[in-house]
Amino acid sequence: MMSKIHGGDGPFHDREQAARALNLRPSALDLYEREGLIRPARLGGRACYTPHVLARAAMVLRLLHEDGMSLSRIKRLMAEPAPGGRRSLHPAAKPEAAPTPPAAAPA
């Protein structure tokens, strides 16, 4: 079994460790990845789960079980632009820079 490996986004966990942390079967993580809901990093061909990916998987789990959403609805929700045009739930979303205010006209 692969142990924790420290990387730029904190410790990475292998598939089994991530599944245990979320109280899931590893196959559930595979399903979330196939559906495009999570994107674990790859190290030597193996999935490595960062804290960010674990948080996304936990959010999917909560939406499934507590809110009763289907995977297809969660996928659509994650793809919808948030107010202001951001895709805050999209797996590849990155924070956008705040728009620069126009320069004041010379007095």
N, C-alpha and C. Protein backbone atom coordinates (compact mmCIF):
# COMPACT_ATOMS: atom_id res chain seq x y z
N MET A 1 0.84 -1.18 0.00
CA MET A 1 0.00 0.00 0.00
C MET A 1 0.88 1.24 0.00
N MET A 2 0.46 2.23 -0.73
CA MET A 2 1.20 3.47 -0.85
C MET A 2 0.95 4.33 0.39
N SER A 3 1.97 4.91 0.94
CA SER A 3 1.79 5.78 2.09
C SER A 3 1.54 7.20 1.63
N LYS A 4 1.32 8.07 2.59
CA LYS A 4 1.10 9.48 2.26
C LYS A 4 2.36 10.05 1.64
N ILE A 5 2.18 10.82 0.60
CA ILE A 5 3.28 11.48 -0.09
C ILE A 5 2.97 12.97 -0.06
N HIS A 6 3.92 13.77 0.33
CA HIS A 6 3.67 15.21 0.40
C HIS A 6 3.94 15.84 -0.95
N GLY A 7 3.02 16.70 -1.36
CA GLY A 7 3.15 17.40 -2.63
C GLY A 7 2.74 18.84 -2.46
N GLY A 8 2.58 19.53 -3.56
CA GLY A 8 2.24 20.94 -3.54
C GLY A 8 0.89 21.24 -2.92
N ASP A 9 -0.06 20.30 -2.98
CA ASP A 9 -1.40 20.51 -2.45
C ASP A 9 -1.57 19.74 -1.14
N GLY A 10 -0.49 19.53 -0.42
CA GLY A 10 -0.57 18.79 0.84
C GLY A 10 -0.33 17.32 0.60
N PRO A 11 -0.64 16.50 1.59
CA PRO A 11 -0.38 15.07 1.43
C PRO A 11 -1.31 14.45 0.40
N PHE A 12 -0.76 13.53 -0.38
CA PHE A 12 -1.54 12.77 -1.33
C PHE A 12 -1.90 11.45 -0.67
N HIS A 13 -3.06 10.93 -0.97
CA HIS A 13 -3.48 9.63 -0.45
C HIS A 13 -3.76 8.71 -1.62
N ASP A 14 -3.49 7.43 -1.44
CA ASP A 14 -3.83 6.50 -2.51
C ASP A 14 -5.32 6.21 -2.46
N ARG A 15 -5.79 5.43 -3.41
CA ARG A 15 -7.21 5.17 -3.58
C ARG A 15 -7.83 4.54 -2.33
N GLU A 16 -7.16 3.56 -1.74
CA GLU A 16 -7.71 2.87 -0.58
C GLU A 16 -7.77 3.80 0.64
N GLN A 17 -6.73 4.59 0.84
CA GLN A 17 -6.72 5.54 1.96
C GLN A 17 -7.83 6.58 1.79
N ALA A 18 -7.99 7.08 0.58
CA ALA A 18 -9.03 8.07 0.31
C ALA A 18 -10.41 7.47 0.56
N ALA A 19 -10.63 6.26 0.11
CA ALA A 19 -11.92 5.60 0.31
C ALA A 19 -12.20 5.41 1.80
N ARG A 20 -11.19 4.98 2.55
CA ARG A 20 -11.36 4.82 4.01
C ARG A 20 -11.69 6.14 4.67
N ALA A 21 -10.99 7.20 4.28
CA ALA A 21 -11.21 8.52 4.87
C ALA A 21 -12.64 9.00 4.65
N LEU A 22 -13.23 8.62 3.51
CA LEU A 22 -14.58 9.05 3.16
C LEU A 22 -15.64 8.00 3.51
N ASN A 23 -15.21 6.87 4.04
CA ASN A 23 -16.10 5.76 4.37
C ASN A 23 -16.84 5.28 3.12
N LEU A 24 -16.09 5.10 2.05
CA LEU A 24 -16.60 4.65 0.75
C LEU A 24 -15.86 3.42 0.30
N ARG A 25 -16.40 2.74 -0.66
CA ARG A 25 -15.66 1.70 -1.36
C ARG A 25 -14.78 2.38 -2.40
N PRO A 26 -13.60 1.85 -2.66
CA PRO A 26 -12.74 2.43 -3.69
C PRO A 26 -13.44 2.54 -5.05
N SER A 27 -14.34 1.62 -5.35
CA SER A 27 -15.05 1.66 -6.63
C SER A 27 -15.92 2.91 -6.74
N ALA A 28 -16.39 3.47 -5.63
CA ALA A 28 -17.17 4.71 -5.67
C ALA A 28 -16.29 5.86 -6.16
N LEU A 29 -15.04 5.90 -5.70
CA LEU A 29 -14.11 6.94 -6.17
C LEU A 29 -13.86 6.77 -7.67
N ASP A 30 -13.74 5.52 -8.11
CA ASP A 30 -13.55 5.26 -9.54
C ASP A 30 -14.75 5.79 -10.33
N LEU A 31 -15.95 5.57 -9.83
CA LEU A 31 -17.16 6.05 -10.49
C LEU A 31 -17.18 7.57 -10.56
N TYR A 32 -16.86 8.22 -9.45
CA TYR A 32 -16.84 9.69 -9.42
C TYR A 32 -15.84 10.22 -10.45
N GLU A 33 -14.71 9.53 -10.57
CA GLU A 33 -13.71 9.96 -11.55
C GLU A 33 -14.21 9.74 -12.98
N ARG A 34 -14.80 8.57 -13.25
CA ARG A 34 -15.33 8.30 -14.59
C ARG A 34 -16.40 9.32 -14.98
N GLU A 35 -17.19 9.74 -14.01
CA GLU A 35 -18.26 10.72 -14.27
C GLU A 35 -17.72 12.15 -14.39
N GLY A 36 -16.42 12.33 -14.13
CA GLY A 36 -15.82 13.66 -14.23
C GLY A 36 -16.08 14.55 -13.03
N LEU A 37 -16.47 13.94 -11.91
CA LEU A 37 -16.77 14.72 -10.71
C LEU A 37 -15.53 15.02 -9.88
N ILE A 38 -14.54 14.16 -9.97
CA ILE A 38 -13.25 14.39 -9.31
C ILE A 38 -12.15 14.09 -10.29
N ARG A 39 -10.99 14.69 -10.07
CA ARG A 39 -9.81 14.46 -10.92
C ARG A 39 -8.58 14.27 -10.05
N PRO A 40 -8.37 13.05 -9.58
CA PRO A 40 -7.16 12.83 -8.79
C PRO A 40 -5.91 12.98 -9.65
N ALA A 41 -4.84 13.39 -9.01
CA ALA A 41 -3.55 13.47 -9.70
C ALA A 41 -3.09 12.04 -9.98
N ARG A 42 -2.12 11.88 -10.84
CA ARG A 42 -1.57 10.57 -11.15
C ARG A 42 -0.09 10.56 -10.81
N LEU A 43 0.34 9.51 -10.15
CA LEU A 43 1.74 9.33 -9.80
C LEU A 43 2.09 7.89 -10.15
N GLY A 44 2.93 7.72 -11.15
CA GLY A 44 3.28 6.37 -11.59
C GLY A 44 2.06 5.60 -12.07
N GLY A 45 1.08 6.30 -12.65
CA GLY A 45 -0.12 5.65 -13.15
C GLY A 45 -1.20 5.41 -12.10
N ARG A 46 -0.90 5.70 -10.85
CA ARG A 46 -1.87 5.48 -9.77
C ARG A 46 -2.52 6.79 -9.37
N ALA A 47 -3.79 6.72 -9.00
CA ALA A 47 -4.52 7.90 -8.57
C ALA A 47 -4.00 8.34 -7.20
N CYS A 48 -3.79 9.65 -7.06
CA CYS A 48 -3.34 10.25 -5.80
C CYS A 48 -4.35 11.33 -5.44
N TYR A 49 -4.93 11.23 -4.27
CA TYR A 49 -6.01 12.12 -3.85
C TYR A 49 -5.47 13.19 -2.92
N THR A 50 -5.60 14.45 -3.34
CA THR A 50 -5.18 15.59 -2.54
C THR A 50 -6.33 15.99 -1.62
N PRO A 51 -6.06 16.84 -0.63
CA PRO A 51 -7.16 17.33 0.21
C PRO A 51 -8.28 17.98 -0.61
N HIS A 52 -7.92 18.69 -1.68
CA HIS A 52 -8.93 19.32 -2.53
C HIS A 52 -9.83 18.26 -3.19
N VAL A 53 -9.24 17.21 -3.71
CA VAL A 53 -10.02 16.15 -4.36
C VAL A 53 -10.88 15.42 -3.33
N LEU A 54 -10.33 15.18 -2.14
CA LEU A 54 -11.11 14.54 -1.08
C LEU A 54 -12.31 15.40 -0.69
N ALA A 55 -12.12 16.72 -0.63
CA ALA A 55 -13.22 17.62 -0.29
C ALA A 55 -14.31 17.57 -1.37
N ARG A 56 -13.90 17.52 -2.64
CA ARG A 56 -14.89 17.43 -3.74
C ARG A 56 -15.65 16.11 -3.66
N ALA A 57 -14.94 15.02 -3.37
CA ALA A 57 -15.60 13.72 -3.25
C ALA A 57 -16.57 13.72 -2.08
N ALA A 58 -16.19 14.36 -0.98
CA ALA A 58 -17.09 14.47 0.18
C ALA A 58 -18.33 15.28 -0.18
N MET A 59 -18.16 16.33 -0.99
CA MET A 59 -19.29 17.14 -1.42
C MET A 59 -20.23 16.30 -2.29
N VAL A 60 -19.68 15.51 -3.21
CA VAL A 60 -20.49 14.64 -4.06
C VAL A 60 -21.27 13.66 -3.18
N LEU A 61 -20.59 13.08 -2.22
CA LEU A 61 -21.22 12.12 -1.31
C LEU A 61 -22.37 12.77 -0.55
N ARG A 62 -22.15 13.99 -0.06
CA ARG A 62 -23.21 14.69 0.68
C ARG A 62 -24.41 14.99 -0.23
N LEU A 63 -24.14 15.47 -1.45
CA LEU A 63 -25.23 15.77 -2.37
C LEU A 63 -26.02 14.51 -2.73
N LEU A 64 -25.33 13.39 -2.87
CA LEU A 64 -25.99 12.13 -3.17
C LEU A 64 -26.87 11.66 -2.03
N HIS A 65 -26.31 11.61 -0.84
CA HIS A 65 -26.99 10.95 0.27
C HIS A 65 -27.84 11.89 1.12
N GLU A 66 -27.39 13.10 1.36
CA GLU A 66 -28.16 14.00 2.20
C GLU A 66 -29.18 14.80 1.40
N ASP A 67 -28.82 15.19 0.19
CA ASP A 67 -29.71 16.01 -0.63
C ASP A 67 -30.48 15.18 -1.66
N GLY A 68 -30.13 13.91 -1.81
CA GLY A 68 -30.86 13.01 -2.69
C GLY A 68 -30.67 13.29 -4.18
N MET A 69 -29.58 13.94 -4.56
CA MET A 69 -29.34 14.24 -5.98
C MET A 69 -28.76 13.02 -6.68
N SER A 70 -29.02 12.93 -7.97
CA SER A 70 -28.43 11.88 -8.79
C SER A 70 -27.04 12.34 -9.25
N LEU A 71 -26.22 11.38 -9.67
CA LEU A 71 -24.90 11.74 -10.19
C LEU A 71 -25.01 12.64 -11.41
N SER A 72 -25.99 12.38 -12.26
CA SER A 72 -26.14 13.23 -13.45
C SER A 72 -26.52 14.66 -13.06
N ARG A 73 -27.35 14.83 -12.04
CA ARG A 73 -27.71 16.18 -11.59
C ARG A 73 -26.50 16.86 -10.95
N ILE A 74 -25.72 16.14 -10.17
CA ILE A 74 -24.52 16.71 -9.55
C ILE A 74 -23.54 17.14 -10.64
N LYS A 75 -23.40 16.31 -11.68
CA LYS A 75 -22.51 16.65 -12.79
C LYS A 75 -22.96 17.93 -13.47
N ARG A 76 -24.27 18.07 -13.71
CA ARG A 76 -24.80 19.30 -14.33
C ARG A 76 -24.58 20.49 -13.40
N LEU A 77 -24.81 20.30 -12.11
CA LEU A 77 -24.62 21.38 -11.14
C LEU A 77 -23.17 21.86 -11.13
N MET A 78 -22.25 20.93 -11.19
CA MET A 78 -20.84 21.29 -11.17
C MET A 78 -20.39 21.96 -12.45
N ALA A 79 -21.14 21.76 -13.53
CA ALA A 79 -20.78 22.37 -14.81
C ALA A 79 -21.45 23.73 -15.01
N GLU A 80 -22.47 24.05 -14.20
CA GLU A 80 -23.19 25.32 -14.36
C GLU A 80 -22.33 26.48 -13.91
N PRO A 81 -22.35 27.57 -14.67
CA PRO A 81 -21.63 28.76 -14.21
C PRO A 81 -22.29 29.33 -12.96
N ALA A 82 -21.48 29.74 -12.03
CA ALA A 82 -21.98 30.39 -10.83
C ALA A 82 -22.25 31.86 -11.15
N PRO A 83 -22.94 32.58 -10.27
CA PRO A 83 -23.14 34.01 -10.52
C PRO A 83 -21.81 34.70 -10.81
N GLY A 84 -21.83 35.58 -11.76
CA GLY A 84 -20.60 36.28 -12.16
C GLY A 84 -19.83 35.53 -13.22
N GLY A 85 -20.39 34.41 -13.72
CA GLY A 85 -19.74 33.67 -14.80
C GLY A 85 -18.71 32.67 -14.35
N ARG A 86 -18.45 32.55 -13.06
CA ARG A 86 -17.46 31.58 -12.59
C ARG A 86 -18.06 30.19 -12.54
N ARG A 87 -17.22 29.20 -12.70
CA ARG A 87 -17.64 27.82 -12.56
C ARG A 87 -17.06 27.30 -11.26
N SER A 88 -17.64 27.74 -10.15
CA SER A 88 -17.05 27.48 -8.85
C SER A 88 -17.03 26.01 -8.46
N LEU A 89 -17.92 25.19 -8.99
CA LEU A 89 -17.95 23.79 -8.64
C LEU A 89 -17.31 22.90 -9.69
N HIS A 90 -16.91 23.48 -10.81
CA HIS A 90 -16.32 22.70 -11.89
C HIS A 90 -14.95 22.20 -11.48
N PRO A 91 -14.61 20.94 -11.78
CA PRO A 91 -13.32 20.38 -11.35
C PRO A 91 -12.10 21.18 -11.80
N ALA A 92 -12.18 21.83 -12.95
CA ALA A 92 -11.01 22.55 -13.45
C ALA A 92 -11.07 24.04 -13.12
N ALA A 93 -12.06 24.44 -12.32
CA ALA A 93 -12.23 25.87 -12.03
C ALA A 93 -11.06 26.40 -11.24
N LYS A 94 -10.64 27.58 -11.61
CA LYS A 94 -9.59 28.28 -10.88
C LYS A 94 -10.13 29.66 -10.55
N PRO A 95 -9.76 30.20 -9.41
CA PRO A 95 -10.26 31.53 -9.07
C PRO A 95 -9.85 32.54 -10.12
N GLU A 96 -10.77 33.40 -10.44
CA GLU A 96 -10.49 34.45 -11.42
C GLU A 96 -10.03 35.70 -10.70
N ALA A 97 -9.21 36.48 -11.37
CA ALA A 97 -8.76 37.74 -10.80
C ALA A 97 -9.92 38.72 -10.83
N ALA A 98 -9.98 39.58 -9.85
CA ALA A 98 -11.02 40.60 -9.82
C ALA A 98 -10.80 41.57 -10.97
N PRO A 99 -11.90 42.03 -11.61
CA PRO A 99 -11.72 42.96 -12.71
C PRO A 99 -11.08 44.26 -12.24
N THR A 100 -10.26 44.83 -13.09
CA THR A 100 -9.59 46.09 -12.78
C THR A 100 -10.55 47.23 -13.05
N PRO A 101 -10.75 48.13 -12.06
CA PRO A 101 -11.66 49.26 -12.31
C PRO A 101 -11.08 50.18 -13.36
N PRO A 102 -11.94 50.84 -14.14
CA PRO A 102 -11.42 51.75 -15.16
C PRO A 102 -10.65 52.89 -14.52
N ALA A 103 -9.64 53.37 -15.24
CA ALA A 103 -8.84 54.47 -14.73
C ALA A 103 -9.68 55.74 -14.67
N ALA A 104 -9.45 56.52 -13.65
CA ALA A 104 -10.19 57.77 -13.49
C ALA A 104 -9.74 58.76 -14.55
N ALA A 105 -10.69 59.52 -15.05
CA ALA A 105 -10.38 60.54 -16.05
C ALA A 105 -9.59 61.67 -15.39
N PRO A 106 -8.59 62.21 -16.10
CA PRO A 106 -7.83 63.30 -15.50
C PRO A 106 -8.72 64.52 -15.26
N ALA A 107 -8.48 65.20 -14.15
CA ALA A 107 -9.32 66.35 -13.79
C ALA A 107 -8.81 67.64 -14.38
